[in-house]
Protein backbone atom coordinates (compact mmCIF):
# COMPACT_ATOMS: atom_id res chain seq x y z
CA PRO A 1 -27.65 -18.85 4.45
CA TRP A 2 -29.67 -20.56 1.78
CA SER A 3 -26.91 -21.03 -0.91
CA GLY A 4 -27.82 -17.70 -2.50
CA ARG A 5 -31.56 -18.36 -2.72
CA PHE A 6 -32.39 -15.68 -0.13
CA SER A 7 -30.53 -12.41 0.70
CA GLU A 8 -31.13 -12.57 4.35
CA ALA A 9 -30.05 -15.01 7.01
CA THR A 10 -32.48 -17.43 8.63
CA ASP A 11 -34.29 -15.86 11.51
CA ALA A 12 -33.00 -17.17 14.89
CA PHE A 13 -36.49 -18.20 15.94
CA VAL A 14 -36.75 -20.43 12.79
CA GLU A 15 -33.32 -21.94 13.58
CA SER A 16 -34.35 -22.74 17.19
CA PHE A 17 -37.81 -24.03 16.22
CA THR A 18 -36.34 -26.50 13.68
CA ALA A 19 -33.29 -27.68 15.74
CA SER A 20 -35.10 -30.67 17.14
CA VAL A 21 -36.25 -32.07 13.73
CA GLY A 22 -33.74 -35.05 14.00
CA PHE A 23 -35.11 -35.95 17.46
CA ASP A 24 -38.70 -35.46 16.41
CA LYS A 25 -38.29 -37.93 13.55
CA ARG A 26 -37.57 -40.62 16.18
CA LEU A 27 -40.78 -39.74 18.16
CA TYR A 28 -43.36 -39.13 15.44
CA HIS A 29 -44.78 -42.69 15.48
CA HIS A 30 -45.28 -42.63 19.30
CA ASP A 31 -46.96 -39.34 19.01
CA ILE A 32 -49.37 -40.65 16.27
CA ARG A 33 -50.16 -43.73 18.40
CA GLY A 34 -50.86 -41.63 21.41
CA SER A 35 -53.18 -39.39 19.30
CA ILE A 36 -55.01 -42.37 17.98
CA ALA A 37 -55.51 -43.87 21.42
CA HIS A 38 -56.82 -40.50 22.67
CA ALA A 39 -59.27 -40.23 19.88
CA ASN A 40 -60.45 -43.75 20.61
CA MET A 41 -61.07 -42.97 24.17
CA LEU A 42 -62.95 -39.84 23.33
CA SER A 43 -65.15 -41.84 20.93
CA ARG A 44 -65.86 -44.42 23.47
CA ILE A 45 -67.04 -41.87 26.02
CA GLY A 46 -69.19 -40.12 23.44
CA VAL A 47 -67.08 -36.86 22.97
CA LEU A 48 -66.24 -37.81 19.28
CA THR A 49 -68.86 -39.33 16.89
CA GLU A 50 -68.52 -40.73 13.42
CA SER A 51 -69.83 -37.41 11.92
């Protein structure tokens, strides 16, 4: 549990959802670069604008 801060155990869904945090830390910069590239492409074809 949470060292006495909470009376109930962590939900199993939360445990499974956060299990990949260590792996995600290694990938976040690639995800951000991909998102920026995608936004740039959408801007070039007129889907996204400055406003």
